[in-house]
């Protein structure tokens, strides 16, 4: 390939993954999805990395699936691009380390679905976001219709799903989908500051908390509370729990190790 479709840059405990298919608005091709899955598998095993940021190059976050691949001749049972994108979204959604979306421009269709899989979302004040599947006669397959109504009021989700419109990030921020809308020059420093605060916390504690929070909407309140209590008990047995308690009693900053 002429260029790397995925760029990575580690800053201390933070790593930036930048989708780099700017000629196609960073649409999700087989090679980009494969590169992201490979890199995320490496990151999961790398204890020096505690927070991941996903972004895109040249004024686009991600325009969704590379539609040209939809016309490929697939052998019986061969995964198509939707299968591979769903694999990626599943990994991102359940990834044990926090993932932040840095939405620096268009986030459409599968790009919006990828954004919604992330734990925190920061967007520039010029970013436009939309489901867009309806514009091409496509039914969402990566969570557009299944996940969006959990994150936005149902009438707003249906508006995006039915019209295919692209809306300003600020519109979705008022409904709580986006943590903050900021200028382009403030996107990286703002995310870096937040990520650095998260990276100081117990990695194993954050992973347990993330799992409980992710699964809570699919459980009754009683079941979710029981799950949380079990996760809390597991944390009691960790090095990080003991380190946190001792640091509090000794009036010092804890140094967590992730086990």
C-alpha atoms as a PDB file:
ATOM      1  CA  UNK A   1       0.000   0.000   0.000  1.00  0.00           C
ATOM      2  CA  UNK A   2       1.195   3.525  -0.693  1.00  0.00           C
ATOM      3  CA  UNK A   3       0.676   4.777   2.841  1.00  0.00           C
ATOM      4  CA  UNK A   4      -0.197   3.516   6.280  1.00  0.00           C
ATOM      5  CA  UNK A   5      -3.974   3.477   6.606  1.00  0.00           C
ATOM      6  CA  UNK A   6      -3.651   3.786  10.389  1.00  0.00           C
ATOM      7  CA  UNK A   7      -1.240   6.078  12.189  1.00  0.00           C
ATOM      8  CA  UNK A   8      -0.345   5.586  15.845  1.00  0.00           C
ATOM      9  CA  UNK A   9       1.397   7.911  18.258  1.00  0.00           C
ATOM     10  CA  UNK A  10       1.972   7.152  21.921  1.00  0.00           C
ATOM     11  CA  UNK A  11       2.271   9.949  24.487  1.00  0.00           C
ATOM     12  CA  UNK A  12       3.125   8.460  27.868  1.00  0.00           C
ATOM     13  CA  UNK A  13       0.106   6.281  28.792  1.00  0.00           C
ATOM     14  CA  UNK A  14      -2.052   7.673  25.967  1.00  0.00           C
ATOM     15  CA  UNK A  15      -2.064   6.426  22.366  1.00  0.00           C
ATOM     16  CA  UNK A  16      -3.650   8.184  19.384  1.00  0.00           C
ATOM     17  CA  UNK A  17      -4.945   6.011  16.556  1.00  0.00           C
ATOM     18  CA  UNK A  18      -5.581   8.136  13.487  1.00  0.00           C
ATOM     19  CA  UNK A  19      -7.463   6.699  10.527  1.00  0.00           C
ATOM     20  CA  UNK A  20      -5.515   7.753   7.454  1.00  0.00           C
ATOM     21  CA  UNK A  21      -7.599   7.318   4.303  1.00  0.00           C
ATOM     22  CA  UNK A  22      -8.172  11.021   3.768  1.00  0.00           C
ATOM     23  CA  UNK A  23      -8.843  10.534   0.038  1.00  0.00           C
ATOM     24  CA  UNK A  24     -11.953   8.548   1.079  1.00  0.00           C
ATOM     25  CA  UNK A  25     -12.861  10.541   4.217  1.00  0.00           C
ATOM     26  CA  UNK A  26     -11.327   7.745   6.303  1.00  0.00           C
ATOM     27  CA  UNK A  27     -14.025   5.293   5.259  1.00  0.00           C
ATOM     28  CA  UNK A  28     -13.680   1.805   6.689  1.00  0.00           C
ATOM     29  CA  UNK A  29     -11.999  -0.475   4.178  1.00  0.00           C
ATOM     30  CA  UNK A  30     -10.812  -4.024   4.820  1.00  0.00           C
ATOM     31  CA  UNK A  31      -7.224  -2.900   5.302  1.00  0.00           C
ATOM     32  CA  UNK A  32      -8.155  -0.092   7.711  1.00  0.00           C
ATOM     33  CA  UNK A  33     -10.414  -2.361   9.789  1.00  0.00           C
ATOM     34  CA  UNK A  34      -7.730  -5.062   9.884  1.00  0.00           C
ATOM     35  CA  UNK A  35      -5.104  -2.512  10.925  1.00  0.00           C
ATOM     36  CA  UNK A  36      -7.309  -1.213  13.729  1.00  0.00           C
ATOM     37  CA  UNK A  37      -8.121  -4.688  15.014  1.00  0.00           C
ATOM     38  CA  UNK A  38      -4.443  -5.663  14.972  1.00  0.00           C
ATOM     39  CA  UNK A  39      -3.386  -2.494  16.772  1.00  0.00           C
ATOM     40  CA  UNK A  40      -6.110  -2.746  19.401  1.00  0.00           C
ATOM     41  CA  UNK A  41      -5.080  -6.336  20.134  1.00  0.00           C
ATOM     42  CA  UNK A  42      -1.530  -5.108  20.709  1.00  0.00           C
ATOM     43  CA  UNK A  43      -2.695  -2.232  22.911  1.00  0.00           C
ATOM     44  CA  UNK A  44      -4.803  -4.528  25.077  1.00  0.00           C
ATOM     45  CA  UNK A  45      -1.642  -6.458  26.000  1.00  0.00           C
ATOM     46  CA  UNK A  46       0.533  -3.351  26.495  1.00  0.00           C
ATOM     47  CA  UNK A  47       0.411  -2.268  30.136  1.00  0.00           C
ATOM     48  CA  UNK A  48       2.155   1.009  29.316  1.00  0.00           C
ATOM     49  CA  UNK A  49      -0.982   2.192  27.467  1.00  0.00           C
ATOM     50  CA  UNK A  50      -3.991   3.096  29.586  1.00  0.00           C
ATOM     51  CA  UNK A  51      -6.152   5.284  27.320  1.00  0.00           C
ATOM     52  CA  UNK A  52      -6.839   5.133  23.564  1.00  0.00           C
ATOM     53  CA  UNK A  53      -7.967   7.988  21.297  1.00  0.00           C
ATOM     54  CA  UNK A  54      -9.451   7.360  17.843  1.00  0.00           C
ATOM     55  CA  UNK A  55      -9.471  10.171  15.288  1.00  0.00           C
ATOM     56  CA  UNK A  56      -9.128  10.807  11.556  1.00  0.00           C
ATOM     57  CA  UNK A  57      -7.002  12.836   9.167  1.00  0.00           C
ATOM     58  CA  UNK A  58      -7.790  15.974   7.195  1.00  0.00           C
ATOM     59  CA  UNK A  59     -11.121  17.171   8.498  1.00  0.00           C
ATOM     60  CA  UNK A  60     -12.928  13.837   8.616  1.00  0.00           C
ATOM     61  CA  UNK A  61     -13.424  11.406  11.466  1.00  0.00           C
ATOM     62  CA  UNK A  62     -14.920   8.565   9.433  1.00  0.00           C
ATOM     63  CA  UNK A  63     -17.481   8.449   6.620  1.00  0.00           C
ATOM     64  CA  UNK A  64     -18.552   4.874   7.388  1.00  0.00           C
ATOM     65  CA  UNK A  65     -18.024   1.762   5.298  1.00  0.00           C
ATOM     66  CA  UNK A  66     -16.139   1.998   2.029  1.00  0.00           C
ATOM     67  CA  UNK A  67     -19.203   1.500  -0.168  1.00  0.00           C
ATOM     68  CA  UNK A  68     -17.134   0.251  -3.120  1.00  0.00           C
ATOM     69  CA  UNK A  69     -16.499  -2.938  -1.167  1.00  0.00           C
ATOM     70  CA  UNK A  70     -20.244  -3.604  -1.078  1.00  0.00           C
ATOM     71  CA  UNK A  71     -20.037  -4.604  -4.745  1.00  0.00           C
ATOM     72  CA  UNK A  72     -17.301  -7.185  -4.246  1.00  0.00           C
ATOM     73  CA  UNK A  73     -17.932 -10.780  -5.224  1.00  0.00           C
ATOM     74  CA  UNK A  74     -17.786 -12.650  -1.942  1.00  0.00           C
ATOM     75  CA  UNK A  75     -17.366 -16.409  -1.755  1.00  0.00           C
ATOM     76  CA  UNK A  76     -19.991 -18.313   0.262  1.00  0.00           C
ATOM     77  CA  UNK A  77     -19.263 -17.755   3.938  1.00  0.00           C
ATOM     78  CA  UNK A  78     -16.579 -15.135   3.248  1.00  0.00           C
ATOM     79  CA  UNK A  79     -16.862 -12.152   5.628  1.00  0.00           C
ATOM     80  CA  UNK A  80     -17.982  -8.991   3.838  1.00  0.00           C
ATOM     81  CA  UNK A  81     -17.112  -5.467   4.933  1.00  0.00           C
ATOM     82  CA  UNK A  82     -20.128  -5.268   7.252  1.00  0.00           C
ATOM     83  CA  UNK A  83     -18.985  -8.426   9.053  1.00  0.00           C
ATOM     84  CA  UNK A  84     -15.529  -6.966   9.568  1.00  0.00           C
ATOM     85  CA  UNK A  85     -16.837  -3.570  10.704  1.00  0.00           C
ATOM     86  CA  UNK A  86     -19.100  -5.278  13.237  1.00  0.00           C
ATOM     87  CA  UNK A  87     -16.031  -7.186  14.483  1.00  0.00           C
ATOM     88  CA  UNK A  88     -14.266  -3.849  14.984  1.00  0.00           C
ATOM     89  CA  UNK A  89     -17.220  -2.154  16.671  1.00  0.00           C
ATOM     90  CA  UNK A  90     -17.632  -5.104  19.044  1.00  0.00           C
ATOM     91  CA  UNK A  91     -13.973  -4.868  20.064  1.00  0.00           C
ATOM     92  CA  UNK A  92     -14.149  -1.095  20.569  1.00  0.00           C
ATOM     93  CA  UNK A  93     -17.379  -1.293  22.579  1.00  0.00           C
ATOM     94  CA  UNK A  94     -16.049  -3.941  24.967  1.00  0.00           C
ATOM     95  CA  UNK A  95     -12.390  -2.846  25.049  1.00  0.00           C
ATOM     96  CA  UNK A  96     -11.120  -2.971  28.658  1.00  0.00           C
ATOM     97  CA  UNK A  97      -9.269   0.337  28.384  1.00  0.00           C
ATOM     98  CA  UNK A  98     -11.112   3.652  27.961  1.00  0.00           C
ATOM     99  CA  UNK A  99     -11.449   4.810  24.353  1.00  0.00           C
ATOM    100  CA  UNK A 100     -12.057   8.448  23.454  1.00  0.00           C
ATOM    101  CA  UNK A 101     -13.412   9.598  20.085  1.00  0.00           C
ATOM    102  CA  UNK A 102     -11.779  12.770  18.778  1.00  0.00           C
ATOM    103  CA  UNK A 103     -14.349  13.782  16.162  1.00  0.00           C
ATOM    104  CA  UNK A 104     -12.451  16.258  14.032  1.00  0.00           C
ATOM    105  CA  UNK A 105     -14.929  16.417  11.137  1.00  0.00           C
ATOM    106  CA  UNK A 106     -17.534  14.284   9.405  1.00  0.00           C
ATOM    107  CA  UNK A 107     -18.735  11.216  11.329  1.00  0.00           C
ATOM    108  CA  UNK A 108     -21.285   9.455   9.150  1.00  0.00           C
ATOM    109  CA  UNK A 109     -23.048   6.068   9.090  1.00  0.00           C
ATOM    110  CA  UNK A 110     -20.472   3.514  10.276  1.00  0.00           C
ATOM    111  CA  UNK A 111     -18.333   6.437  11.402  1.00  0.00           C
ATOM    112  CA  UNK A 112     -21.116   7.560  13.719  1.00  0.00           C
ATOM    113  CA  UNK A 113     -21.522   3.965  14.895  1.00  0.00           C
ATOM    114  CA  UNK A 114     -17.781   3.802  15.640  1.00  0.00           C
ATOM    115  CA  UNK A 115     -18.012   7.102  17.511  1.00  0.00           C
ATOM    116  CA  UNK A 116     -20.913   5.792  19.615  1.00  0.00           C
ATOM    117  CA  UNK A 117     -18.862   2.734  20.637  1.00  0.00           C
ATOM    118  CA  UNK A 118     -16.320   4.986  22.342  1.00  0.00           C
ATOM    119  CA  UNK A 119     -16.540   5.809  26.038  1.00  0.00           C
ATOM    120  CA  UNK A 120     -16.107   9.565  25.707  1.00  0.00           C
ATOM    121  CA  UNK A 121     -16.734  11.782  22.683  1.00  0.00           C
ATOM    122  CA  UNK A 122     -15.140  15.173  22.013  1.00  0.00           C
ATOM    123  CA  UNK A 123     -15.903  17.021  18.781  1.00  0.00           C
ATOM    124  CA  UNK A 124     -14.828  20.172  17.020  1.00  0.00           C
ATOM    125  CA  UNK A 125     -17.327  22.982  16.507  1.00  0.00           C
ATOM    126  CA  UNK A 126     -17.175  22.337  12.750  1.00  0.00           C
ATOM    127  CA  UNK A 127     -17.877  18.589  12.994  1.00  0.00           C
ATOM    128  CA  UNK A 128     -21.016  17.224  11.327  1.00  0.00           C
ATOM    129  CA  UNK A 129     -22.566  13.953  12.436  1.00  0.00           C
ATOM    130  CA  UNK A 130     -25.261  11.823  10.835  1.00  0.00           C
ATOM    131  CA  UNK A 131     -26.491   8.286  10.360  1.00  0.00           C
ATOM    132  CA  UNK A 132     -26.666   8.666   6.541  1.00  0.00           C
ATOM    133  CA  UNK A 133     -27.611   5.025   5.838  1.00  0.00           C
ATOM    134  CA  UNK A 134     -31.046   6.034   4.558  1.00  0.00           C
ATOM    135  CA  UNK A 135     -29.420   8.179   1.853  1.00  0.00           C
ATOM    136  CA  UNK A 136     -28.223   5.011   0.098  1.00  0.00           C
ATOM    137  CA  UNK A 137     -31.077   2.635   0.885  1.00  0.00           C
ATOM    138  CA  UNK A 138     -29.036   0.888   3.558  1.00  0.00           C
ATOM    139  CA  UNK A 139     -30.330  -0.327   6.917  1.00  0.00           C
ATOM    140  CA  UNK A 140     -27.793   0.316   9.713  1.00  0.00           C
ATOM    141  CA  UNK A 141     -25.892  -2.812  10.635  1.00  0.00           C
ATOM    142  CA  UNK A 142     -23.450  -1.672  13.305  1.00  0.00           C
ATOM    143  CA  UNK A 143     -25.703  -0.149  15.926  1.00  0.00           C
ATOM    144  CA  UNK A 144     -27.198   2.908  14.262  1.00  0.00           C
ATOM    145  CA  UNK A 145     -30.796   1.909  14.908  1.00  0.00           C
ATOM    146  CA  UNK A 146     -30.064  -0.408  17.834  1.00  0.00           C
ATOM    147  CA  UNK A 147     -27.740   1.789  19.909  1.00  0.00           C
ATOM    148  CA  UNK A 148     -28.581   5.376  18.995  1.00  0.00           C
ATOM    149  CA  UNK A 149     -31.999   5.338  20.750  1.00  0.00           C
ATOM    150  CA  UNK A 150     -30.168   4.334  23.948  1.00  0.00           C
ATOM    151  CA  UNK A 151     -27.961   7.416  23.710  1.00  0.00           C
ATOM    152  CA  UNK A 152     -30.340  10.029  22.290  1.00  0.00           C
ATOM    153  CA  UNK A 153     -34.036  10.806  22.764  1.00  0.00           C
ATOM    154  CA  UNK A 154     -36.002   8.506  20.457  1.00  0.00           C
ATOM    155  CA  UNK A 155     -37.474  11.308  18.255  1.00  0.00           C
ATOM    156  CA  UNK A 156     -33.976  12.737  17.676  1.00  0.00           C
ATOM    157  CA  UNK A 157     -32.554   9.305  16.862  1.00  0.00           C
ATOM    158  CA  UNK A 158     -35.407   8.639  14.438  1.00  0.00           C
ATOM    159  CA  UNK A 159     -34.878  12.022  12.767  1.00  0.00           C
ATOM    160  CA  UNK A 160     -31.243  11.140  12.071  1.00  0.00           C
ATOM    161  CA  UNK A 161     -32.127   7.607  10.970  1.00  0.00           C
ATOM    162  CA  UNK A 162     -35.000   8.592   8.680  1.00  0.00           C
ATOM    163  CA  UNK A 163     -33.646  11.784   7.064  1.00  0.00           C
ATOM    164  CA  UNK A 164     -29.981  10.916   6.690  1.00  0.00           C
ATOM    165  CA  UNK A 165     -29.188  14.535   7.606  1.00  0.00           C
ATOM    166  CA  UNK A 166     -25.821  15.632   8.925  1.00  0.00           C
ATOM    167  CA  UNK A 167     -26.199  17.848  12.011  1.00  0.00           C
ATOM    168  CA  UNK A 168     -23.705  19.990  13.933  1.00  0.00           C
ATOM    169  CA  UNK A 169     -21.986  18.312  16.848  1.00  0.00           C
ATOM    170  CA  UNK A 170     -23.366  21.060  19.083  1.00  0.00           C
ATOM    171  CA  UNK A 171     -26.926  19.848  18.424  1.00  0.00           C
ATOM    172  CA  UNK A 172     -26.111  16.363  19.719  1.00  0.00           C
ATOM    173  CA  UNK A 173     -24.081  17.721  22.624  1.00  0.00           C
ATOM    174  CA  UNK A 174     -27.223  19.291  24.084  1.00  0.00           C
ATOM    175  CA  UNK A 175     -28.750  15.808  24.314  1.00  0.00           C
ATOM    176  CA  UNK A 176     -25.710  14.406  26.100  1.00  0.00           C
ATOM    177  CA  UNK A 177     -24.199  12.336  23.285  1.00  0.00           C
ATOM    178  CA  UNK A 178     -21.001  14.394  23.166  1.00  0.00           C
ATOM    179  CA  UNK A 179     -18.946  15.326  26.206  1.00  0.00           C
ATOM    180  CA  UNK A 180     -17.726  18.642  24.823  1.00  0.00           C
ATOM    181  CA  UNK A 181     -17.663  20.629  21.584  1.00  0.00           C
ATOM    182  CA  UNK A 182     -14.511  22.691  21.192  1.00  0.00           C
ATOM    183  CA  UNK A 183     -12.441  24.455  18.568  1.00  0.00           C
ATOM    184  CA  UNK A 184     -10.130  22.407  16.387  1.00  0.00           C
ATOM    185  CA  UNK A 185      -6.985  23.782  18.013  1.00  0.00           C
ATOM    186  CA  UNK A 186      -8.286  22.798  21.452  1.00  0.00           C
ATOM    187  CA  UNK A 187      -9.322  19.239  20.542  1.00  0.00           C
ATOM    188  CA  UNK A 188      -6.003  17.525  21.149  1.00  0.00           C
ATOM    189  CA  UNK A 189      -4.968  19.392  24.326  1.00  0.00           C
ATOM    190  CA  UNK A 190      -8.427  18.966  25.853  1.00  0.00           C
ATOM    191  CA  UNK A 191      -8.485  15.222  25.189  1.00  0.00           C
ATOM    192  CA  UNK A 192      -4.887  14.832  26.341  1.00  0.00           C
ATOM    193  CA  UNK A 193      -5.689  16.515  29.665  1.00  0.00           C
ATOM    194  CA  UNK A 194      -8.734  14.275  30.233  1.00  0.00           C
ATOM    195  CA  UNK A 195      -6.851  11.134  29.176  1.00  0.00           C
ATOM    196  CA  UNK A 196      -3.958  11.930  31.504  1.00  0.00           C
ATOM    197  CA  UNK A 197      -6.361  12.193  34.452  1.00  0.00           C
ATOM    198  CA  UNK A 198      -7.914   8.845  33.548  1.00  0.00           C
ATOM    199  CA  UNK A 199      -4.482   7.250  33.098  1.00  0.00           C
ATOM    200  CA  UNK A 200      -3.631   8.044  36.715  1.00  0.00           C
ATOM    201  CA  UNK A 201      -6.460   5.822  37.954  1.00  0.00           C
ATOM    202  CA  UNK A 202      -6.359   2.064  38.556  1.00  0.00           C
ATOM    203  CA  UNK A 203      -6.465   0.349  35.130  1.00  0.00           C
ATOM    204  CA  UNK A 204      -8.086  -2.772  36.542  1.00  0.00           C
ATOM    205  CA  UNK A 205     -10.577  -0.645  38.465  1.00  0.00           C
ATOM    206  CA  UNK A 206     -11.481   1.359  35.363  1.00  0.00           C
ATOM    207  CA  UNK A 207     -11.872  -1.844  33.317  1.00  0.00           C
ATOM    208  CA  UNK A 208     -14.224  -3.340  35.910  1.00  0.00           C
ATOM    209  CA  UNK A 209     -16.211  -0.127  36.192  1.00  0.00           C
ATOM    210  CA  UNK A 210     -16.502   0.184  32.409  1.00  0.00           C
ATOM    211  CA  UNK A 211     -17.808  -3.358  32.065  1.00  0.00           C
ATOM    212  CA  UNK A 212     -20.443  -2.872  34.761  1.00  0.00           C
ATOM    213  CA  UNK A 213     -21.565   0.427  33.238  1.00  0.00           C
ATOM    214  CA  UNK A 214     -21.719  -0.998  29.704  1.00  0.00           C
ATOM    215  CA  UNK A 215     -23.817  -3.966  30.793  1.00  0.00           C
ATOM    216  CA  UNK A 216     -26.102  -2.061  33.169  1.00  0.00           C
ATOM    217  CA  UNK A 217     -28.643  -1.008  30.530  1.00  0.00           C
ATOM    218  CA  UNK A 218     -29.316  -4.640  29.644  1.00  0.00           C
ATOM    219  CA  UNK A 219     -30.018  -5.670  33.237  1.00  0.00           C
ATOM    220  CA  UNK A 220     -32.566  -4.945  35.918  1.00  0.00           C
ATOM    221  CA  UNK A 221     -31.483  -2.490  38.595  1.00  0.00           C
ATOM    222  CA  UNK A 222     -31.168  -5.363  41.082  1.00  0.00           C
ATOM    223  CA  UNK A 223     -28.995  -7.439  38.729  1.00  0.00           C
ATOM    224  CA  UNK A 224     -26.819  -4.465  37.858  1.00  0.00           C
ATOM    225  CA  UNK A 225     -26.290  -3.618  41.527  1.00  0.00           C
ATOM    226  CA  UNK A 226     -25.370  -7.253  42.234  1.00  0.00           C
ATOM    227  CA  UNK A 227     -22.876  -7.194  39.349  1.00  0.00           C
ATOM    228  CA  UNK A 228     -21.379  -3.952  40.634  1.00  0.00           C
ATOM    229  CA  UNK A 229     -21.042  -5.359  44.149  1.00  0.00           C
ATOM    230  CA  UNK A 230     -19.201  -8.436  42.841  1.00  0.00           C
ATOM    231  CA  UNK A 231     -16.859  -6.256  40.777  1.00  0.00           C
ATOM    232  CA  UNK A 232     -16.220  -4.103  43.835  1.00  0.00           C
ATOM    233  CA  UNK A 233     -15.392  -7.191  45.903  1.00  0.00           C
ATOM    234  CA  UNK A 234     -12.991  -8.375  43.205  1.00  0.00           C
ATOM    235  CA  UNK A 235     -11.279  -4.992  43.318  1.00  0.00           C
ATOM    236  CA  UNK A 236     -10.803  -5.370  47.093  1.00  0.00           C
ATOM    237  CA  UNK A 237      -8.385  -8.215  46.346  1.00  0.00           C
ATOM    238  CA  UNK A 238      -6.248  -6.156  43.957  1.00  0.00           C
ATOM    239  CA  UNK A 239      -2.904  -4.469  44.501  1.00  0.00           C
ATOM    240  CA  UNK A 240      -4.450  -1.205  43.288  1.00  0.00           C
ATOM    241  CA  UNK A 241      -7.142  -1.243  45.969  1.00  0.00           C
ATOM    242  CA  UNK A 242      -4.562  -1.630  48.722  1.00  0.00           C
ATOM    243  CA  UNK A 243      -2.348   0.999  47.131  1.00  0.00           C
ATOM    244  CA  UNK A 244      -5.246   3.444  46.980  1.00  0.00           C
ATOM    245  CA  UNK A 245      -6.179   2.950  50.627  1.00  0.00           C
ATOM    246  CA  UNK A 246      -2.586   3.241  51.817  1.00  0.00           C
ATOM    247  CA  UNK A 247      -2.024   6.354  49.704  1.00  0.00           C
ATOM    248  CA  UNK A 248      -5.100   7.964  51.253  1.00  0.00           C
ATOM    249  CA  UNK A 249      -3.969   7.159  54.792  1.00  0.00           C
ATOM    250  CA  UNK A 250      -0.401   8.297  54.048  1.00  0.00           C
ATOM    251  CA  UNK A 251      -1.631  11.496  52.344  1.00  0.00           C
ATOM    252  CA  UNK A 252       0.188  10.818  49.097  1.00  0.00           C
ATOM    253  CA  UNK A 253      -0.737  10.245  45.467  1.00  0.00           C
ATOM    254  CA  UNK A 254      -1.365   6.573  44.640  1.00  0.00           C
ATOM    255  CA  UNK A 255       0.717   4.773  42.043  1.00  0.00           C
ATOM    256  CA  UNK A 256      -1.503   2.147  40.449  1.00  0.00           C
ATOM    257  CA  UNK A 257      -0.073  -0.870  38.629  1.00  0.00           C
ATOM    258  CA  UNK A 258      -3.168  -2.438  37.111  1.00  0.00           C
ATOM    259  CA  UNK A 259      -3.445  -5.676  39.059  1.00  0.00           C
END
